[in-house]
Structures are given as C-alpha cells and as structure tokens.
C-alpha cells in the first residue's frame, strides 16, 4: 500500500519534492511513496506514475492551448490517487492545479490527509482563497516567513519551514578554480528555465551585457539550464559569449561579480550567493493586462528576494517597464558604485537570516501519518 502520493508539476517543485522524499526516507526507509515526479524526484525511491514534464506551461495565454492536455492529466492524477488511496497526499506548489485537485479529491470522497507544500500566493491575489483552502487541506507548509499569519483566521495549520533553496545553497559544492580561468570579472546571464522565457528575455540580456562588458571590461557568461536549450541559446548568442550548463550553475553563481537574471527561483539563489543582480521578465502585453486588470495583482515587488526582504534588494524590470536603456543604466550604476554593491550584499546577508527555520518538514509529514 502506498503511504504517500507526491505531486510536482514543475521543475522547482520537483527539486523541493526530491529533498523532502530523501528526508522522509532517512527517517522511515520503508515508507512507500508514489506520485507525479520530475527528473530530480525520479532519482529518489519513488514510484513515478506520471512524469512532471507533461504539466509544464507558462504565461496566462500559454495555458489556453494547453488546457485540453491539462484537463486530461488532471483526471488521470485524480483517478490515480483515488485508486491508490494513500494515507497522505502532498501537493507541491502549482497552485491553480493543486487547489482544484484538493477540492476534487474531497468531493470524490478521499478521506486521507492533504498537505500543500508551498502556499499559493494569497498575499498577492485572491485573498479569499484561504477559506476554501482550509476546507480541503489538513496542513500548509510555507516557504516564505510571513505566510503562516494569513491562515490563522481560517484555522488552517501552517508552518514556516524555511526556504528549500537555503538548504540547497548550504549543501552546494564549488570548484574554487572554476572562475579563475576567466581573466575578467564575470557578468552572469540567466535567461530562464523554459524556452519561451529564454526567447523573450535572452536577447535584451545579451544587448545589455555587450554594452556593460565593453564599458567595464567584464566577461559575460550565459547559463544554460538544460541541454535542450543549448541550440536556441546558440542561435540567439550573436556575440559568442561563453555558455555553461547546469552542472556549473553553482560555480557560475559563486564566481559571478554581477548578474542579469530572468525572474524566478534563480534570483533567490543569486541573493544567497550575494551577487548584485538586475531582474528582468519580458511578458506579453496581454499577459500583463490580465495580471493587473483582471486578476488585480498589485504588488510592491515581484522578484522573490525583494518580496521576502520587503524592499528593493535587486532592481526589477517587468513587462512594459523592461527597456534596454533602463536595464543597462541601472546595472551600470551598480557596477560603478562600491557603496551600492555593499548595500546589496548586506541585504543578501540579512535575507539568509530571514530564511532560516528550525522546523523539520519531514517530521510534520510523518506526524500526519
């Protein structure tokens, strides 16, 4: 009998799931775990029912053509969980899909425990969602320190468990000689972890990097998050900057003097490494309209380090605000000022303290069993 069913529908969730599964098996090796797993979770002792890669989408408009596939997958996951009838279901991130899954499971009579790992952003939009979450979930595991307070009024048990990337940062290994082969300070470019992100964001990063490199004698280096993106990056890389693959991401962050990064978890990783960074995210005007006007998403900050810090740690450039002159001049001002760099690094150090937690996630899960 399966004890736990774990669902991860995207890469970041897959990474968090892999860490959690290993921690669970350290405490209880005989635990039977199955679920929807990506490349990292499949390296653990899990029975993979469906590959997580089938669930990946991005942008509001990109979801529309994917809806038939996602609906089919939704039904398949629901059927699998009801058939397996695990003692506990862990849903990781992927908020829209997972909140509907929790509701559908309850309506279908599932009596086991349901835990959401990584809270939906109720603090950003759809704040009334907290009540419906309390009806269907037994526990919420939060990775942002201010989140549990949002669920106190609806009596949904919630714990801040620390951010998984902090643990990953502490466990990361680096080659101390890696960065020394480049004779100039490194300007790292992180264009994204999905093809559409790369196509939309890398061109402006390349133009900014070319200008900044010439002015400040820097070495731009492009990070390639997956082998399948190498060809598209090569096609866009008209300046022939060096490209490094996923194996050297930690070495690149550890060696970088500065960075231009597409918004995502990579920005928090760069903050943990203390790399002064400008964050960009190119989105279509229609996606921006939907987010601002229809979904009423109105945040002071969008980049994770800034949201957690509650202030602008890394300058942000989104949608219609993403213009080459603004991106280049802001990064230029940081490179030219030791004081600004010191302020950013001090803020990054403070971020480390904010992300710390003594809560043991695996223990919370096992208590639910």
Protein backbone atom coordinates (compact mmCIF):
# COMPACT_ATOMS: atom_id res chain seq x y z
CA UNK A 1 0.00 0.00 0.00
CA UNK A 2 1.24 3.48 -0.85
CA UNK A 3 1.73 5.67 2.21
CA UNK A 4 2.25 8.99 0.42
CA UNK A 5 1.41 10.33 -3.02
CA UNK A 6 3.53 13.32 -4.06
CA UNK A 7 2.61 15.65 -6.91
CA UNK A 8 5.09 18.05 -8.54
CA UNK A 9 4.03 19.80 -11.74
CA UNK A 10 7.09 21.93 -12.46
CA UNK A 11 10.85 21.93 -12.01
CA UNK A 12 11.14 23.93 -8.82
CA UNK A 13 8.51 21.71 -7.17
CA UNK A 14 10.35 18.65 -8.43
CA UNK A 15 13.53 19.83 -6.70
CA UNK A 16 11.73 20.54 -3.43
CA UNK A 17 9.99 17.17 -3.66
CA UNK A 18 13.27 15.33 -4.14
CA UNK A 19 14.75 16.89 -0.99
CA UNK A 20 11.61 16.06 1.01
CA UNK A 21 11.44 12.44 -0.17
CA UNK A 22 15.08 11.84 0.77
CA UNK A 23 14.49 13.34 4.21
CA UNK A 24 11.40 11.17 4.71
CA UNK A 25 13.25 8.00 3.72
CA UNK A 26 16.11 8.85 6.08
CA UNK A 27 13.63 8.85 8.95
CA UNK A 28 11.45 5.98 7.69
CA UNK A 29 13.20 3.91 4.97
CA UNK A 30 10.25 1.55 4.48
CA UNK A 31 7.90 4.39 3.52
CA UNK A 32 6.09 3.70 0.22
CA UNK A 33 5.91 6.81 -1.97
CA UNK A 34 4.44 7.22 -5.45
CA UNK A 35 3.40 10.20 -7.50
CA UNK A 36 3.98 12.66 -10.32
CA UNK A 37 7.73 13.17 -10.49
CA UNK A 38 10.24 15.19 -12.47
CA UNK A 39 13.88 14.37 -13.17
CA UNK A 40 15.05 15.07 -9.59
CA UNK A 41 12.30 13.15 -7.83
CA UNK A 42 12.84 10.18 -10.16
CA UNK A 43 16.35 9.89 -8.70
CA UNK A 44 14.78 9.06 -5.33
CA UNK A 45 12.97 5.93 -4.23
CA UNK A 46 9.58 6.90 -5.70
CA UNK A 47 7.22 5.03 -7.98
CA UNK A 48 6.62 7.51 -10.80
CA UNK A 49 3.04 7.33 -12.08
CA UNK A 50 3.31 10.30 -14.49
CA UNK A 51 6.29 12.44 -15.48
CA UNK A 52 6.08 16.04 -14.27
CA UNK A 53 7.35 17.35 -17.61
CA UNK A 54 3.87 16.84 -19.10
CA UNK A 55 2.47 19.60 -16.86
CA UNK A 56 4.76 22.50 -17.71
CA UNK A 57 3.20 25.71 -19.05
CA UNK A 58 3.93 29.43 -18.63
CA UNK A 59 2.02 32.68 -19.03
CA UNK A 60 -1.75 33.14 -18.88
CA UNK A 61 -2.22 32.92 -22.65
CA UNK A 62 0.06 29.88 -22.99
CA UNK A 63 -2.25 27.94 -20.68
CA UNK A 64 -5.19 28.22 -23.10
CA UNK A 65 -3.87 25.86 -25.81
CA UNK A 66 -2.61 23.52 -23.08
CA UNK A 67 -6.00 23.25 -21.35
CA UNK A 68 -7.19 20.03 -23.03
CA UNK A 69 -3.93 18.33 -22.08
CA UNK A 70 -4.02 19.66 -18.52
CA UNK A 71 -7.65 18.61 -18.03
CA UNK A 72 -6.82 15.10 -19.22
CA UNK A 73 -3.81 14.97 -16.90
CA UNK A 74 -5.91 16.33 -14.00
CA UNK A 75 -8.40 13.48 -14.38
CA UNK A 76 -5.60 10.95 -14.64
CA UNK A 77 -3.90 12.19 -11.44
CA UNK A 78 -7.21 12.27 -9.56
CA UNK A 79 -8.05 8.74 -10.70
CA UNK A 80 -4.59 7.51 -9.68
CA UNK A 81 -4.85 8.99 -6.19
CA UNK A 82 -8.35 7.60 -5.60
CA UNK A 83 -7.26 4.20 -6.89
CA UNK A 84 -4.08 4.08 -4.81
CA UNK A 85 -5.84 5.64 -1.80
CA UNK A 86 -2.67 6.77 0.01
CA UNK A 87 -2.70 7.79 3.64
CA UNK A 88 -1.46 11.24 2.69
CA UNK A 89 -1.20 13.39 -0.43
CA UNK A 90 1.50 16.07 -0.74
CA UNK A 91 0.78 18.69 -3.40
CA UNK A 92 3.82 20.83 -4.24
CA UNK A 93 3.40 24.44 -5.46
CA UNK A 94 1.49 24.55 -8.84
CA UNK A 95 -1.30 26.38 -7.03
CA UNK A 96 -4.19 26.54 -9.52
CA UNK A 97 -3.97 22.86 -10.41
CA UNK A 98 -3.38 21.69 -6.84
CA UNK A 99 -6.17 23.67 -5.17
CA UNK A 100 -8.63 22.24 -7.69
CA UNK A 101 -7.16 18.77 -7.10
CA UNK A 102 -7.62 19.04 -3.33
CA UNK A 103 -11.25 20.11 -3.81
CA UNK A 104 -11.92 17.36 -6.38
CA UNK A 105 -10.44 14.69 -4.12
CA UNK A 106 -12.61 15.74 -1.18
CA UNK A 107 -15.74 15.81 -3.36
CA UNK A 108 -14.89 12.31 -4.57
CA UNK A 109 -14.72 11.02 -1.01
CA UNK A 110 -10.98 10.91 -0.36
CA UNK A 111 -10.53 10.69 3.43
CA UNK A 112 -6.75 10.81 3.71
CA UNK A 113 -4.68 13.83 4.71
CA UNK A 114 -3.82 16.51 2.13
CA UNK A 115 -0.80 18.74 2.64
CA UNK A 116 0.11 21.65 0.38
CA UNK A 117 3.88 22.21 0.19
CA UNK A 118 4.46 25.86 -0.79
CA UNK A 119 1.45 28.05 -0.22
CA UNK A 120 -0.47 29.70 -3.06
CA UNK A 121 0.25 33.43 -3.05
CA UNK A 122 -2.89 34.50 -1.21
CA UNK A 123 -1.00 37.62 -0.10
CA UNK A 124 -0.68 38.63 -3.77
CA UNK A 125 -4.15 37.93 -5.14
CA UNK A 126 -7.39 36.03 -4.41
CA UNK A 127 -7.01 36.58 -0.67
CA UNK A 128 -10.42 34.96 -0.04
CA UNK A 129 -8.91 31.67 -1.23
CA UNK A 130 -7.62 31.00 2.32
CA UNK A 131 -11.10 29.87 3.45
CA UNK A 132 -11.55 27.33 0.65
CA UNK A 133 -8.04 26.04 1.31
CA UNK A 134 -8.94 25.44 4.95
CA UNK A 135 -11.90 23.28 3.88
CA UNK A 136 -9.81 20.92 1.78
CA UNK A 137 -6.31 20.93 3.28
CA UNK A 138 -5.07 19.45 6.55
CA UNK A 139 -1.80 21.34 6.66
CA UNK A 140 0.13 24.02 4.83
CA UNK A 141 3.92 24.18 4.55
CA UNK A 142 5.09 27.73 3.83
CA UNK A 143 8.47 28.74 2.42
CA UNK A 144 8.08 32.48 2.94
CA UNK A 145 8.33 33.67 6.57
CA UNK A 146 5.32 36.00 6.52
CA UNK A 147 2.82 33.48 5.06
CA UNK A 148 1.51 31.48 8.09
CA UNK A 149 -0.12 34.60 9.54
CA UNK A 150 -2.52 34.73 6.57
CA UNK A 151 -4.12 31.44 7.61
CA UNK A 152 -4.57 31.96 11.35
CA UNK A 153 -8.10 33.36 10.98
CA UNK A 154 -9.31 30.36 8.95
CA UNK A 155 -7.78 27.81 11.35
CA UNK A 156 -5.62 26.14 8.72
CA UNK A 157 -2.47 24.77 10.41
CA UNK A 158 0.53 26.36 8.69
CA UNK A 159 4.24 26.19 9.40
CA UNK A 160 7.10 28.23 8.05
CA UNK A 161 9.65 25.56 7.17
CA UNK A 162 12.43 27.72 5.77
CA UNK A 163 13.14 28.06 2.09
CA UNK A 164 14.39 24.86 0.41
CA UNK A 165 16.91 26.85 -1.63
CA UNK A 166 18.73 27.83 1.56
CA UNK A 167 19.32 24.16 2.31
CA UNK A 168 20.42 23.58 -1.26
CA UNK A 169 22.82 26.53 -1.00
CA UNK A 170 24.38 25.16 2.18
CA UNK A 171 24.87 21.72 0.60
CA UNK A 172 26.23 23.01 -2.72
CA UNK A 173 29.78 22.20 -3.74
CA UNK A 174 32.01 24.50 -5.78
CA UNK A 175 35.22 24.25 -7.72
CA UNK A 176 37.40 27.06 -6.29
CA UNK A 177 39.43 27.18 -9.50
CA UNK A 178 36.46 27.38 -11.87
CA UNK A 179 36.11 31.16 -12.07
CA UNK A 180 39.85 31.80 -12.27
CA UNK A 181 40.05 30.62 -15.87
CA UNK A 182 38.23 33.80 -16.86
CA UNK A 183 40.57 36.79 -16.74
CA UNK A 184 37.83 39.38 -16.24
CA UNK A 185 35.06 39.83 -13.62
CA UNK A 186 32.06 37.71 -14.60
CA UNK A 187 28.69 39.13 -15.61
CA UNK A 188 26.40 36.08 -15.43
CA UNK A 189 23.28 35.85 -17.60
CA UNK A 190 20.39 33.64 -16.51
CA UNK A 191 17.77 33.75 -19.31
CA UNK A 192 15.27 31.31 -17.78
CA UNK A 193 14.39 27.64 -17.47
CA UNK A 194 11.77 27.46 -20.23
CA UNK A 195 12.14 28.01 -23.95
CA UNK A 196 9.63 30.87 -24.16
CA UNK A 197 11.32 32.62 -21.25
CA UNK A 198 14.67 32.31 -22.98
CA UNK A 199 13.37 33.59 -26.32
CA UNK A 200 11.76 36.59 -24.66
CA UNK A 201 14.49 37.53 -22.18
CA UNK A 202 17.88 36.49 -23.52
CA UNK A 203 18.02 38.99 -26.43
CA UNK A 204 17.75 42.03 -24.14
CA UNK A 205 20.16 40.47 -21.64
CA UNK A 206 22.70 39.95 -24.41
CA UNK A 207 22.45 43.55 -25.62
CA UNK A 208 22.82 44.90 -22.09
CA UNK A 209 25.72 42.55 -21.37
CA UNK A 210 27.57 43.61 -24.53
CA UNK A 211 27.34 47.28 -23.57
CA UNK A 212 28.28 46.69 -19.94
CA UNK A 213 31.16 44.36 -20.82
CA UNK A 214 32.73 46.90 -23.14
CA UNK A 215 32.42 49.72 -20.61
CA UNK A 216 33.59 47.82 -17.52
CA UNK A 217 35.85 45.11 -19.00
CA UNK A 218 33.59 42.24 -17.91
CA UNK A 219 33.22 38.65 -19.11
CA UNK A 220 29.55 37.80 -19.87
CA UNK A 221 28.71 34.12 -19.40
CA UNK A 222 25.34 32.56 -20.24
CA UNK A 223 23.81 29.88 -18.03
CA UNK A 224 22.00 27.07 -19.89
CA UNK A 225 19.57 25.34 -17.54
CA UNK A 226 19.02 22.26 -19.73
CA UNK A 227 20.78 20.62 -22.68
CA UNK A 228 17.66 21.01 -24.84
CA UNK A 229 18.04 24.81 -24.64
CA UNK A 230 21.62 24.86 -25.92
CA UNK A 231 20.69 25.12 -29.58
CA UNK A 232 18.18 28.00 -29.09
CA UNK A 233 20.72 29.85 -26.93
CA UNK A 234 23.45 29.36 -29.52
CA UNK A 235 21.13 30.75 -32.15
CA UNK A 236 20.43 33.88 -30.08
CA UNK A 237 24.02 34.30 -28.87
CA UNK A 238 25.23 36.58 -31.65
CA UNK A 239 28.11 37.91 -29.51
CA UNK A 240 29.51 34.40 -28.91
CA UNK A 241 29.59 34.71 -25.13
CA UNK A 242 30.65 31.52 -23.29
CA UNK A 243 27.80 29.19 -22.28
CA UNK A 244 27.85 26.92 -19.22
CA UNK A 245 25.47 24.06 -18.49
CA UNK A 246 23.52 23.13 -15.38
CA UNK A 247 26.47 21.26 -13.86
CA UNK A 248 28.31 24.55 -13.38
CA UNK A 249 25.41 26.77 -12.27
CA UNK A 250 26.66 26.86 -8.67
CA UNK A 251 30.21 27.57 -9.86
CA UNK A 252 28.91 30.41 -12.02
CA UNK A 253 26.91 31.97 -9.18
CA UNK A 254 29.82 31.53 -6.78
CA UNK A 255 32.21 33.24 -9.21
CA UNK A 256 29.95 35.96 -10.65
CA UNK A 257 30.60 39.59 -9.81
CA UNK A 258 27.22 40.68 -11.22
CA UNK A 259 24.19 39.10 -12.88
CA UNK A 260 21.23 39.73 -15.16
CA UNK A 261 18.52 37.20 -14.35
CA UNK A 262 15.05 36.34 -15.57
CA UNK A 263 12.65 36.39 -12.64
CA UNK A 264 12.27 33.05 -10.87
CA UNK A 265 13.91 30.98 -8.18
CA UNK A 266 17.32 31.75 -9.67
CA UNK A 267 17.03 35.31 -8.31
CA UNK A 268 16.77 33.98 -4.76
CA UNK A 269 19.74 31.70 -5.39
CA UNK A 270 21.76 34.69 -6.59
CA UNK A 271 20.76 36.57 -3.44
CA UNK A 272 22.01 33.67 -1.30
CA UNK A 273 25.32 33.90 -3.15
CA UNK A 274 25.35 37.67 -2.62
CA UNK A 275 25.57 38.53 -6.33
CA UNK A 276 24.36 42.08 -7.22
CA UNK A 277 21.63 41.39 -9.77
CA UNK A 278 19.12 43.14 -12.01
CA UNK A 279 15.93 41.12 -12.52
CA UNK A 280 14.06 41.13 -15.81
CA UNK A 281 10.90 39.44 -17.04
CA UNK A 282 9.58 40.01 -20.54
CA UNK A 283 5.89 39.23 -20.82
CA UNK A 284 3.34 39.94 -23.50
CA UNK A 285 1.15 43.00 -23.08
CA UNK A 286 -1.95 40.81 -22.91
CA UNK A 287 -0.46 38.73 -20.06
CA UNK A 288 0.40 41.92 -18.23
CA UNK A 289 -3.13 43.26 -18.77
CA UNK A 290 -4.69 40.05 -17.45
CA UNK A 291 -2.45 40.09 -14.37
CA UNK A 292 -3.00 43.74 -13.49
CA UNK A 293 -6.55 44.47 -14.64
CA UNK A 294 -8.41 41.16 -14.43
CA UNK A 295 -6.59 39.29 -11.66
CA UNK A 296 -5.85 42.51 -9.76
CA UNK A 297 -2.29 41.52 -8.94
CA UNK A 298 -0.82 44.67 -7.42
CA UNK A 299 2.47 44.00 -5.65
CA UNK A 300 5.17 46.36 -4.50
CA UNK A 301 7.72 43.77 -5.66
CA UNK A 302 7.73 40.73 -7.94
CA UNK A 303 11.24 39.26 -7.51
CA UNK A 304 11.46 36.75 -4.66
CA UNK A 305 14.38 38.40 -2.83
CA UNK A 306 12.51 41.72 -2.80
CA UNK A 307 9.23 40.16 -1.66
CA UNK A 308 10.95 38.42 1.26
CA UNK A 309 13.09 41.43 2.20
CA UNK A 310 10.11 43.78 1.87
CA UNK A 311 12.20 46.25 -0.10
CA UNK A 312 14.08 46.58 -3.39
CA UNK A 313 17.17 44.47 -2.95
CA UNK A 314 17.52 43.72 -6.68
CA UNK A 315 16.18 46.26 -9.22
CA UNK A 316 13.25 44.84 -11.22
CA UNK A 317 12.21 45.33 -14.83
CA UNK A 318 8.90 43.75 -15.88
CA UNK A 319 6.71 43.83 -18.95
CA UNK A 320 6.34 47.35 -20.32
CA UNK A 321 8.96 48.56 -17.82
CA UNK A 322 11.60 46.30 -19.34
CA UNK A 323 13.55 48.63 -21.63
CA UNK A 324 17.19 48.22 -22.62
CA UNK A 325 18.32 51.74 -21.57
CA UNK A 326 16.78 51.37 -18.10
CA UNK A 327 18.20 47.87 -17.56
CA UNK A 328 21.67 48.85 -18.75
CA UNK A 329 21.89 52.15 -16.87
CA UNK A 330 20.72 50.56 -13.60
CA UNK A 331 23.26 47.74 -13.83
CA UNK A 332 25.91 50.28 -14.84
CA UNK A 333 25.19 52.32 -11.70
CA UNK A 334 25.62 49.22 -9.51
CA UNK A 335 28.87 48.19 -11.20
CA UNK A 336 30.22 51.72 -10.84
CA UNK A 337 29.43 52.05 -7.13
CA UNK A 338 31.18 50.07 -4.39
CA UNK A 339 28.67 51.55 -1.94
CA UNK A 340 25.67 50.19 -3.87
CA UNK A 341 27.30 46.79 -4.15
CA UNK A 342 27.97 46.76 -0.40
CA UNK A 343 24.34 47.67 0.33
CA UNK A 344 23.08 44.84 -1.86
CA UNK A 345 25.44 42.32 -0.27
CA UNK A 346 24.38 43.45 3.21
CA UNK A 347 20.75 42.96 2.21
CA UNK A 348 21.57 39.48 0.90
CA UNK A 349 23.18 38.58 4.23
CA UNK A 350 20.05 39.72 6.07
CA UNK A 351 17.99 37.56 3.71
CA UNK A 352 19.88 34.48 4.94
CA UNK A 353 18.64 35.16 8.47
CA UNK A 354 15.04 35.69 7.31
CA UNK A 355 15.02 32.33 5.52
CA UNK A 356 16.31 30.27 8.45
CA UNK A 357 13.95 27.88 10.23
CA UNK A 358 14.37 25.09 12.77
CA UNK A 359 11.15 23.32 11.68
CA UNK A 360 11.68 19.78 10.40
CA UNK A 361 9.40 19.30 7.39
CA UNK A 362 9.74 15.53 7.32
CA UNK A 363 8.66 15.32 10.97
CA UNK A 364 5.50 17.32 10.23
CA UNK A 365 4.63 14.96 7.36
CA UNK A 366 5.27 11.83 9.43
CA UNK A 367 3.14 13.20 12.28
CA UNK A 368 0.26 13.50 9.80
CA UNK A 369 0.60 9.80 9.01
